[in-house]
Protein backbone atom coordinates (compact mmCIF):
# COMPACT_ATOMS: atom_id res chain seq x y z
CA MET A 1 -71.98 8.71 28.13
CA ILE A 2 -71.22 6.33 30.93
CA GLY A 3 -73.54 3.58 29.67
CA THR A 4 -71.76 3.50 26.33
CA LYS A 5 -68.38 3.32 28.02
CA ILE A 6 -69.50 0.48 30.28
CA LYS A 7 -70.88 -1.40 27.27
CA ARG A 8 -67.61 -0.92 25.37
CA TYR A 9 -65.66 -2.15 28.42
CA LEU A 10 -67.82 -5.29 28.62
CA ASP A 11 -67.63 -5.94 24.87
CA GLU A 12 -63.84 -5.52 24.71
CA ARG A 13 -63.42 -8.11 27.45
CA TYR A 14 -66.14 -10.47 26.20
CA LEU A 15 -68.07 -10.03 29.45
CA LYS A 16 -71.82 -10.59 29.65
CA GLN A 17 -74.29 -8.00 30.87
CA LYS A 18 -75.51 -10.63 33.31
CA ILE A 19 -72.50 -9.85 35.52
CA LEU A 20 -73.90 -6.37 36.14
CA GLN A 21 -77.45 -7.62 36.33
CA GLU A 22 -76.61 -9.97 39.19
CA ALA A 23 -74.26 -7.59 40.99
CA LEU A 24 -76.66 -4.64 40.92
CA GLY A 25 -79.80 -6.71 41.37
CA LEU A 26 -81.42 -5.08 38.34
CA SER A 27 -83.48 -6.60 35.54
CA LYS A 28 -82.06 -7.40 32.13
CA SER A 29 -84.10 -4.58 30.57
CA THR A 30 -82.84 -2.06 33.14
CA ILE A 31 -79.22 -2.99 32.44
CA SER A 32 -79.94 -2.72 28.72
CA ASN A 33 -81.42 0.76 29.26
CA ILE A 34 -78.35 1.82 31.24
CA LEU A 35 -75.96 0.57 28.56
CA SER A 36 -77.94 2.36 25.84
CA ASN A 37 -78.03 5.57 27.92
CA LYS A 38 -81.82 5.50 28.32
CA ARG A 39 -81.41 5.31 32.10
CA LYS A 40 -78.83 6.99 34.27
CA LEU A 41 -76.86 5.25 36.98
CA SER A 42 -77.07 6.43 40.55
CA SER A 43 -73.76 7.13 42.24
CA GLU A 44 -74.20 3.95 44.30
CA GLU A 45 -74.82 1.91 41.15
CA LEU A 46 -71.75 3.38 39.47
CA TYR A 47 -69.70 2.52 42.55
CA MET A 48 -70.94 -1.07 42.36
CA VAL A 49 -70.20 -1.27 38.61
CA CYS A 50 -66.65 -0.08 39.25
CA ALA A 51 -66.22 -2.62 42.05
CA VAL A 52 -67.52 -5.49 39.91
CA LEU A 53 -65.37 -4.53 36.92
CA ASN A 54 -62.39 -3.67 39.13
CA VAL A 55 -61.88 -0.21 37.62
CA SER A 56 -61.73 3.31 38.95
CA ALA A 57 -64.67 5.66 38.39
CA ASP A 58 -62.20 7.82 36.47
CA TYR A 59 -62.19 5.15 33.77
CA PHE A 60 -65.77 6.07 32.89
CA LYS A 61 -65.39 9.84 33.23
CA ASP A 62 -66.27 11.99 30.27
CA TRP A 63 -63.23 14.15 29.57
CA SER A 64 -64.81 15.94 26.60
CA TRP A 65 -65.44 19.07 28.69
CA ARG A 66 -61.73 19.84 28.99
CA CYS A 67 -60.30 22.81 27.17
CA TYR A 68 -57.35 22.28 24.89
């Protein structure tokens, strides 16, 4: 899930959730719900997350659907 991948990205780089909270203008509890996959991101929010973290949306794509 995207929230889990965003959380892992933040954790691996020792970044605080507050970065997303301020950039997206969302509450701490909303960011927490996103990172624990209790709330989905809108496409606009995902775009902003990618811009803040300086990554492509492909970074957070779920490739598990691919056939091998």
